[in-house]
Structure formats: structure tokens, C-alpha cells
């Protein structure tokens, strides 16, 4: 390939990559090490993912160029990310599940000790959720849980965590909650947000929740 064609190809690819500087650094590294082999992964702005493998082209032991091969692994990566997501998130609400919650709780407690800042843990469950499922069916119960999780998330900060840990039970981690008073204010906001009726298709429900707090 002519040098100018090579440069045109590289320029074309750089415009589409998420990390063009990393790509260019790898190309320069390989040009400076003509005998080296290389494997890496390229992520494109449009979501595609390619594996890239490069090895020297040899004739009678002498390097005369470089061979590049590419493999589209987009669907494979998406499947892996989906499996990874399902392992740590609740399938119904998309919230962190019990496994991810315990990991974040441990991190929050360690950070609190390190920075001498409080951490609040809140436990929330609905009153008489079983009656919703028995009266209206599990589909309506699922819709209610989705809407409830959305309202709770709307109250919290990015640094906080809400997880569904089972059934109608949710756990919340508050970072730096200004001691117990700050956690109580958050609980009051959640209670106020949940007080408004929930519209589930042709049915409207009012629910109540119980919230426990420890700092």
C-alpha cells in the first residue's frame, strides 16, 4: 500500500473511533517495532466493536510490511455486557440487585471511614403489596414496582444508590447524609413522592411504605 493511501485510511478510521489518540499511539508503536505482534479492541462512535490483530509480513526472515486483520465482535460484546448487567441488576426495575448493593455498601462504608463522613442505610417496603398481586394480578404488581423505583430514583442524588433486594423491598445508600437529620429529610421526600396515586393502565392505586434508617 502506498504511504499516502495508508495515511488516508488511518485518517478515515480516526474520524470514527471513540479513542483516536489511543489508536494512533498504537499505530506509531508498531511502526517503530516492525517485528512486534499486537492485539487490541477498537470501539467506534456508532457502537461497533472490532478486534484488531497485527503481525509483521516476512519474506525469508526479513520484514517487508505489516498484515492487519479485523473482526467485528459487536454482537458478542453486547451479549457479554447484557449478561454482566443481568448479574448485577434487577431484571424488572433495572436497579442494582442484592449482589451489587452489598458491594456498593461495603465501598460506601470504607469511604466513610476513610473520609470521616457518615453513611446512611435505608430499608423500604410497601404495606400490603401481596394484596395488590392477589387483587389485580402480578402484572399490575410489576408495573407498580417499576413506577415506585422510578419515583425513588428521582429523589436521590447520583452518588446515592437504590437497589431492589427482593419482592417489594428496596434498600438505599446515602453518601454524606448530614447525619440522621439528612436521611430523615430524604425519607420524607420519598414518602411525599409516593403519596401521589399510581396509574396502572385503567387502575389507580394508593400505597403506603415503611422506611427504616440507620446511620
C-alpha atoms as a PDB file:
ATOM      1  CA  UNK A   1       0.000   0.000   0.000  1.00  0.00           C
ATOM      2  CA  UNK A   2       1.347   3.418  -0.884  1.00  0.00           C
ATOM      3  CA  UNK A   3       2.207   5.663   2.036  1.00  0.00           C
ATOM      4  CA  UNK A   4      -0.383   8.276   1.074  1.00  0.00           C
ATOM      5  CA  UNK A   5      -3.088   5.568   0.853  1.00  0.00           C
ATOM      6  CA  UNK A   6      -2.064   4.326   4.302  1.00  0.00           C
ATOM      7  CA  UNK A   7      -2.357   7.835   5.726  1.00  0.00           C
ATOM      8  CA  UNK A   8      -5.773   8.309   4.112  1.00  0.00           C
ATOM      9  CA  UNK A   9      -7.018   5.051   5.605  1.00  0.00           C
ATOM     10  CA  UNK A  10      -5.757   5.997   9.074  1.00  0.00           C
ATOM     11  CA  UNK A  11      -7.361   9.457   8.836  1.00  0.00           C
ATOM     12  CA  UNK A  12     -10.660   7.865   7.775  1.00  0.00           C
ATOM     13  CA  UNK A  13     -10.631   5.489  10.734  1.00  0.00           C
ATOM     14  CA  UNK A  14      -9.609   8.167  13.256  1.00  0.00           C
ATOM     15  CA  UNK A  15     -12.754  10.164  12.488  1.00  0.00           C
ATOM     16  CA  UNK A  16     -14.956   7.203  13.526  1.00  0.00           C
ATOM     17  CA  UNK A  17     -13.235   5.971  16.700  1.00  0.00           C
ATOM     18  CA  UNK A  18     -14.075   6.783  20.325  1.00  0.00           C
ATOM     19  CA  UNK A  19     -10.371   6.871  21.192  1.00  0.00           C
ATOM     20  CA  UNK A  20      -8.492   8.141  18.114  1.00  0.00           C
ATOM     21  CA  UNK A  21      -5.424   9.126  20.161  1.00  0.00           C
ATOM     22  CA  UNK A  22      -5.066   5.592  21.513  1.00  0.00           C
ATOM     23  CA  UNK A  23      -5.419   4.144  18.020  1.00  0.00           C
ATOM     24  CA  UNK A  24      -2.772   6.499  16.629  1.00  0.00           C
ATOM     25  CA  UNK A  25      -0.399   5.755  19.503  1.00  0.00           C
ATOM     26  CA  UNK A  26      -0.683   2.009  18.807  1.00  0.00           C
ATOM     27  CA  UNK A  27      -0.024   2.518  15.075  1.00  0.00           C
ATOM     28  CA  UNK A  28       3.088   4.590  15.818  1.00  0.00           C
ATOM     29  CA  UNK A  29       4.265   1.997  18.335  1.00  0.00           C
ATOM     30  CA  UNK A  30       4.008  -0.772  15.741  1.00  0.00           C
ATOM     31  CA  UNK A  31       5.728   1.292  13.072  1.00  0.00           C
ATOM     32  CA  UNK A  32       8.635   1.742  15.496  1.00  0.00           C
ATOM     33  CA  UNK A  33       8.683  -2.020  16.261  1.00  0.00           C
ATOM     34  CA  UNK A  34       8.284  -3.717  12.873  1.00  0.00           C
ATOM     35  CA  UNK A  35       8.771  -7.238  14.315  1.00  0.00           C
ATOM     36  CA  UNK A  36       6.117  -6.886  17.029  1.00  0.00           C
ATOM     37  CA  UNK A  37       2.702  -8.557  17.068  1.00  0.00           C
ATOM     38  CA  UNK A  38      -0.306  -6.778  18.519  1.00  0.00           C
ATOM     39  CA  UNK A  39      -3.886  -7.391  19.594  1.00  0.00           C
ATOM     40  CA  UNK A  40      -6.375  -4.790  20.816  1.00  0.00           C
ATOM     41  CA  UNK A  41     -10.027  -3.769  20.624  1.00  0.00           C
ATOM     42  CA  UNK A  42     -11.396  -0.775  18.717  1.00  0.00           C
ATOM     43  CA  UNK A  43     -14.612   0.950  19.782  1.00  0.00           C
ATOM     44  CA  UNK A  44     -16.398   3.084  17.194  1.00  0.00           C
ATOM     45  CA  UNK A  45     -18.613   6.101  17.857  1.00  0.00           C
ATOM     46  CA  UNK A  46     -21.606   4.295  16.317  1.00  0.00           C
ATOM     47  CA  UNK A  47     -21.337   1.448  18.860  1.00  0.00           C
ATOM     48  CA  UNK A  48     -19.479  -1.104  16.740  1.00  0.00           C
ATOM     49  CA  UNK A  49     -16.588  -3.024  18.314  1.00  0.00           C
ATOM     50  CA  UNK A  50     -13.751  -4.640  16.353  1.00  0.00           C
ATOM     51  CA  UNK A  51     -10.858  -6.838  17.386  1.00  0.00           C
ATOM     52  CA  UNK A  52      -7.621  -5.831  15.667  1.00  0.00           C
ATOM     53  CA  UNK A  53      -4.670  -8.137  15.189  1.00  0.00           C
ATOM     54  CA  UNK A  54      -1.426  -7.144  13.537  1.00  0.00           C
ATOM     55  CA  UNK A  55       1.694  -9.110  12.710  1.00  0.00           C
ATOM     56  CA  UNK A  56       4.796  -8.477  10.579  1.00  0.00           C
ATOM     57  CA  UNK A  57       4.867  -9.708   6.992  1.00  0.00           C
ATOM     58  CA  UNK A  58       8.077 -11.670   6.492  1.00  0.00           C
ATOM     59  CA  UNK A  59       9.874 -12.935   3.410  1.00  0.00           C
ATOM     60  CA  UNK A  60      12.981 -15.045   4.065  1.00  0.00           C
ATOM     61  CA  UNK A  61      13.024 -13.737   7.610  1.00  0.00           C
ATOM     62  CA  UNK A  62      13.007 -10.104   6.528  1.00  0.00           C
ATOM     63  CA  UNK A  63      10.134  -7.812   7.477  1.00  0.00           C
ATOM     64  CA  UNK A  64       8.725  -6.182   4.353  1.00  0.00           C
ATOM     65  CA  UNK A  65       5.455  -4.853   5.755  1.00  0.00           C
ATOM     66  CA  UNK A  66       2.629  -5.495   8.179  1.00  0.00           C
ATOM     67  CA  UNK A  67      -0.558  -7.552   7.976  1.00  0.00           C
ATOM     68  CA  UNK A  68      -3.687  -6.252   9.690  1.00  0.00           C
ATOM     69  CA  UNK A  69      -6.780  -8.294  10.367  1.00  0.00           C
ATOM     70  CA  UNK A  70     -10.067  -7.093  11.861  1.00  0.00           C
ATOM     71  CA  UNK A  71     -13.063  -8.966  13.288  1.00  0.00           C
ATOM     72  CA  UNK A  72     -16.450  -7.464  14.075  1.00  0.00           C
ATOM     73  CA  UNK A  73     -17.321  -8.600  17.628  1.00  0.00           C
ATOM     74  CA  UNK A  74     -20.124  -6.078  18.240  1.00  0.00           C
ATOM     75  CA  UNK A  75     -22.874  -8.631  18.886  1.00  0.00           C
ATOM     76  CA  UNK A  76     -20.586 -10.742  21.065  1.00  0.00           C
ATOM     77  CA  UNK A  77     -19.660  -7.705  23.192  1.00  0.00           C
ATOM     78  CA  UNK A  78     -23.311  -6.693  23.527  1.00  0.00           C
ATOM     79  CA  UNK A  79     -24.230 -10.189  24.672  1.00  0.00           C
ATOM     80  CA  UNK A  80     -21.398 -10.150  27.228  1.00  0.00           C
ATOM     81  CA  UNK A  81     -22.474  -6.715  28.509  1.00  0.00           C
ATOM     82  CA  UNK A  82     -26.080  -7.911  28.817  1.00  0.00           C
ATOM     83  CA  UNK A  83     -25.016 -10.968  30.821  1.00  0.00           C
ATOM     84  CA  UNK A  84     -22.829  -8.749  33.012  1.00  0.00           C
ATOM     85  CA  UNK A  85     -25.716  -6.319  33.546  1.00  0.00           C
ATOM     86  CA  UNK A  86     -28.156  -9.094  34.473  1.00  0.00           C
ATOM     87  CA  UNK A  87     -25.694 -10.482  37.005  1.00  0.00           C
ATOM     88  CA  UNK A  88     -25.745  -7.234  38.989  1.00  0.00           C
ATOM     89  CA  UNK A  89     -29.125  -5.654  38.234  1.00  0.00           C
ATOM     90  CA  UNK A  90     -32.755  -6.471  38.902  1.00  0.00           C
ATOM     91  CA  UNK A  91     -34.393  -7.715  35.711  1.00  0.00           C
ATOM     92  CA  UNK A  92     -37.713  -5.956  36.379  1.00  0.00           C
ATOM     93  CA  UNK A  93     -36.701  -2.468  37.519  1.00  0.00           C
ATOM     94  CA  UNK A  94     -33.150  -2.235  36.178  1.00  0.00           C
ATOM     95  CA  UNK A  95     -31.958  -1.211  39.652  1.00  0.00           C
ATOM     96  CA  UNK A  96     -28.882  -2.748  41.282  1.00  0.00           C
ATOM     97  CA  UNK A  97     -29.682  -6.136  42.779  1.00  0.00           C
ATOM     98  CA  UNK A  98     -28.673  -7.562  46.154  1.00  0.00           C
ATOM     99  CA  UNK A  99     -25.161  -8.533  44.947  1.00  0.00           C
ATOM    100  CA  UNK A 100     -24.298  -5.078  43.588  1.00  0.00           C
ATOM    101  CA  UNK A 101     -25.962  -3.411  46.574  1.00  0.00           C
ATOM    102  CA  UNK A 102     -23.743  -5.225  49.099  1.00  0.00           C
ATOM    103  CA  UNK A 103     -20.661  -4.309  47.060  1.00  0.00           C
ATOM    104  CA  UNK A 104     -21.619  -0.625  46.987  1.00  0.00           C
ATOM    105  CA  UNK A 105     -22.492  -0.670  50.672  1.00  0.00           C
ATOM    106  CA  UNK A 106     -19.061  -2.032  51.518  1.00  0.00           C
ATOM    107  CA  UNK A 107     -17.413   0.651  49.371  1.00  0.00           C
ATOM    108  CA  UNK A 108     -19.551   3.381  50.967  1.00  0.00           C
ATOM    109  CA  UNK A 109     -18.659   2.255  54.491  1.00  0.00           C
ATOM    110  CA  UNK A 110     -14.940   2.100  53.679  1.00  0.00           C
ATOM    111  CA  UNK A 111     -15.107   5.576  52.113  1.00  0.00           C
ATOM    112  CA  UNK A 112     -16.994   6.869  55.135  1.00  0.00           C
ATOM    113  CA  UNK A 113     -14.295   5.572  57.493  1.00  0.00           C
ATOM    114  CA  UNK A 114     -11.546   6.975  55.292  1.00  0.00           C
ATOM    115  CA  UNK A 115     -13.102  10.437  54.942  1.00  0.00           C
ATOM    116  CA  UNK A 116     -14.728  10.506  58.384  1.00  0.00           C
ATOM    117  CA  UNK A 117     -18.139  11.059  56.776  1.00  0.00           C
ATOM    118  CA  UNK A 118     -21.450   9.390  57.720  1.00  0.00           C
ATOM    119  CA  UNK A 119     -23.230   6.836  55.559  1.00  0.00           C
ATOM    120  CA  UNK A 120     -26.953   6.170  55.881  1.00  0.00           C
ATOM    121  CA  UNK A 121     -28.668   2.891  55.082  1.00  0.00           C
ATOM    122  CA  UNK A 122     -32.423   2.934  54.460  1.00  0.00           C
ATOM    123  CA  UNK A 123     -34.765  -0.009  54.099  1.00  0.00           C
ATOM    124  CA  UNK A 124     -38.128   0.486  52.380  1.00  0.00           C
ATOM    125  CA  UNK A 125     -41.031  -1.841  51.745  1.00  0.00           C
ATOM    126  CA  UNK A 126     -44.661  -1.411  50.746  1.00  0.00           C
ATOM    127  CA  UNK A 127     -47.589  -2.056  53.036  1.00  0.00           C
ATOM    128  CA  UNK A 128     -49.844  -4.860  51.819  1.00  0.00           C
ATOM    129  CA  UNK A 129     -48.106  -5.401  48.469  1.00  0.00           C
ATOM    130  CA  UNK A 130     -49.321  -9.002  48.458  1.00  0.00           C
ATOM    131  CA  UNK A 131     -52.877  -7.702  48.269  1.00  0.00           C
ATOM    132  CA  UNK A 132     -52.028  -5.798  45.061  1.00  0.00           C
ATOM    133  CA  UNK A 133     -50.842  -9.003  43.407  1.00  0.00           C
ATOM    134  CA  UNK A 134     -53.779 -11.032  44.730  1.00  0.00           C
ATOM    135  CA  UNK A 135     -56.412  -8.458  43.722  1.00  0.00           C
ATOM    136  CA  UNK A 136     -55.067  -7.081  40.440  1.00  0.00           C
ATOM    137  CA  UNK A 137     -52.553  -9.705  39.309  1.00  0.00           C
ATOM    138  CA  UNK A 138     -48.775  -9.886  39.165  1.00  0.00           C
ATOM    139  CA  UNK A 139     -48.607  -7.770  36.011  1.00  0.00           C
ATOM    140  CA  UNK A 140     -50.016  -4.812  37.932  1.00  0.00           C
ATOM    141  CA  UNK A 141     -47.656  -5.566  40.795  1.00  0.00           C
ATOM    142  CA  UNK A 142     -44.725  -5.399  38.377  1.00  0.00           C
ATOM    143  CA  UNK A 143     -45.939  -2.078  36.946  1.00  0.00           C
ATOM    144  CA  UNK A 144     -46.244  -0.696  40.456  1.00  0.00           C
ATOM    145  CA  UNK A 145     -42.702  -1.766  41.354  1.00  0.00           C
ATOM    146  CA  UNK A 146     -41.331  -0.110  38.200  1.00  0.00           C
ATOM    147  CA  UNK A 147     -43.105   3.168  38.927  1.00  0.00           C
ATOM    148  CA  UNK A 148     -42.105   3.062  42.579  1.00  0.00           C
ATOM    149  CA  UNK A 149     -38.440   2.535  41.719  1.00  0.00           C
ATOM    150  CA  UNK A 150     -38.617   5.455  39.261  1.00  0.00           C
ATOM    151  CA  UNK A 151     -40.028   7.791  41.927  1.00  0.00           C
ATOM    152  CA  UNK A 152     -37.408   6.786  44.463  1.00  0.00           C
ATOM    153  CA  UNK A 153     -34.576   7.339  41.969  1.00  0.00           C
ATOM    154  CA  UNK A 154     -35.974  10.792  41.218  1.00  0.00           C
ATOM    155  CA  UNK A 155     -35.407  11.827  44.841  1.00  0.00           C
ATOM    156  CA  UNK A 156     -31.828  10.582  45.196  1.00  0.00           C
ATOM    157  CA  UNK A 157     -28.523  12.077  44.100  1.00  0.00           C
ATOM    158  CA  UNK A 158     -26.158  10.485  41.585  1.00  0.00           C
ATOM    159  CA  UNK A 159     -23.842   9.485  44.434  1.00  0.00           C
ATOM    160  CA  UNK A 160     -26.610   7.552  46.217  1.00  0.00           C
ATOM    161  CA  UNK A 161     -27.771   4.012  45.443  1.00  0.00           C
ATOM    162  CA  UNK A 162     -31.221   2.438  45.454  1.00  0.00           C
ATOM    163  CA  UNK A 163     -31.440  -1.317  44.958  1.00  0.00           C
ATOM    164  CA  UNK A 164     -34.267  -3.812  44.793  1.00  0.00           C
ATOM    165  CA  UNK A 165     -33.247  -6.618  47.089  1.00  0.00           C
ATOM    166  CA  UNK A 166     -36.351  -8.765  46.754  1.00  0.00           C
ATOM    167  CA  UNK A 167     -40.127  -8.604  46.326  1.00  0.00           C
ATOM    168  CA  UNK A 168     -41.318  -5.157  47.374  1.00  0.00           C
ATOM    169  CA  UNK A 169     -38.158  -4.471  49.384  1.00  0.00           C
ATOM    170  CA  UNK A 170     -35.756  -1.693  48.442  1.00  0.00           C
ATOM    171  CA  UNK A 171     -32.512  -0.605  50.113  1.00  0.00           C
ATOM    172  CA  UNK A 172     -30.942   2.830  49.788  1.00  0.00           C
ATOM    173  CA  UNK A 173     -27.406   4.024  50.475  1.00  0.00           C
ATOM    174  CA  UNK A 174     -26.967   7.748  51.151  1.00  0.00           C
ATOM    175  CA  UNK A 175     -23.453   9.187  50.940  1.00  0.00           C
ATOM    176  CA  UNK A 176     -22.737  12.070  53.357  1.00  0.00           C
ATOM    177  CA  UNK A 177     -26.355  12.416  54.542  1.00  0.00           C
ATOM    178  CA  UNK A 178     -25.699  15.145  57.185  1.00  0.00           C
ATOM    179  CA  UNK A 179     -26.190  12.530  59.890  1.00  0.00           C
ATOM    180  CA  UNK A 180     -29.647  11.242  60.780  1.00  0.00           C
ATOM    181  CA  UNK A 181     -31.417  14.533  60.011  1.00  0.00           C
ATOM    182  CA  UNK A 182     -30.374  14.411  56.360  1.00  0.00           C
ATOM    183  CA  UNK A 183     -31.550  10.815  55.991  1.00  0.00           C
ATOM    184  CA  UNK A 184     -34.889  11.675  57.592  1.00  0.00           C
ATOM    185  CA  UNK A 185     -35.403  14.514  55.103  1.00  0.00           C
ATOM    186  CA  UNK A 186     -34.771  12.099  52.216  1.00  0.00           C
ATOM    187  CA  UNK A 187     -37.233   9.615  53.713  1.00  0.00           C
ATOM    188  CA  UNK A 188     -39.847  12.386  53.992  1.00  0.00           C
ATOM    189  CA  UNK A 189     -39.306  13.351  50.334  1.00  0.00           C
ATOM    190  CA  UNK A 190     -39.695   9.725  49.249  1.00  0.00           C
ATOM    191  CA  UNK A 191     -42.871   9.359  51.306  1.00  0.00           C
ATOM    192  CA  UNK A 192     -44.270  12.546  49.776  1.00  0.00           C
ATOM    193  CA  UNK A 193     -43.435  11.380  46.235  1.00  0.00           C
ATOM    194  CA  UNK A 194     -45.112   8.026  46.842  1.00  0.00           C
ATOM    195  CA  UNK A 195     -48.226   9.605  48.331  1.00  0.00           C
ATOM    196  CA  UNK A 196     -49.464  10.586  44.846  1.00  0.00           C
ATOM    197  CA  UNK A 197     -51.652   7.874  43.194  1.00  0.00           C
ATOM    198  CA  UNK A 198     -50.051   5.329  40.866  1.00  0.00           C
ATOM    199  CA  UNK A 199     -51.740   4.965  37.475  1.00  0.00           C
ATOM    200  CA  UNK A 200     -51.559   1.351  36.270  1.00  0.00           C
ATOM    201  CA  UNK A 201     -53.409   1.189  32.972  1.00  0.00           C
ATOM    202  CA  UNK A 202     -57.116   1.503  33.890  1.00  0.00           C
ATOM    203  CA  UNK A 203     -56.433   1.131  37.621  1.00  0.00           C
ATOM    204  CA  UNK A 204     -55.284   3.778  40.100  1.00  0.00           C
ATOM    205  CA  UNK A 205     -53.674   2.701  43.357  1.00  0.00           C
ATOM    206  CA  UNK A 206     -52.617   4.496  46.500  1.00  0.00           C
ATOM    207  CA  UNK A 207     -49.909   2.853  48.538  1.00  0.00           C
ATOM    208  CA  UNK A 208     -48.042   3.411  51.777  1.00  0.00           C
ATOM    209  CA  UNK A 209     -44.458   2.462  52.597  1.00  0.00           C
ATOM    210  CA  UNK A 210     -42.399   1.846  55.699  1.00  0.00           C
ATOM    211  CA  UNK A 211     -38.855   3.187  55.873  1.00  0.00           C
ATOM    212  CA  UNK A 212     -36.189   2.256  58.378  1.00  0.00           C
ATOM    213  CA  UNK A 213     -32.971   4.260  58.731  1.00  0.00           C
ATOM    214  CA  UNK A 214     -29.588   3.612  60.301  1.00  0.00           C
ATOM    215  CA  UNK A 215     -26.546   5.915  60.105  1.00  0.00           C
END
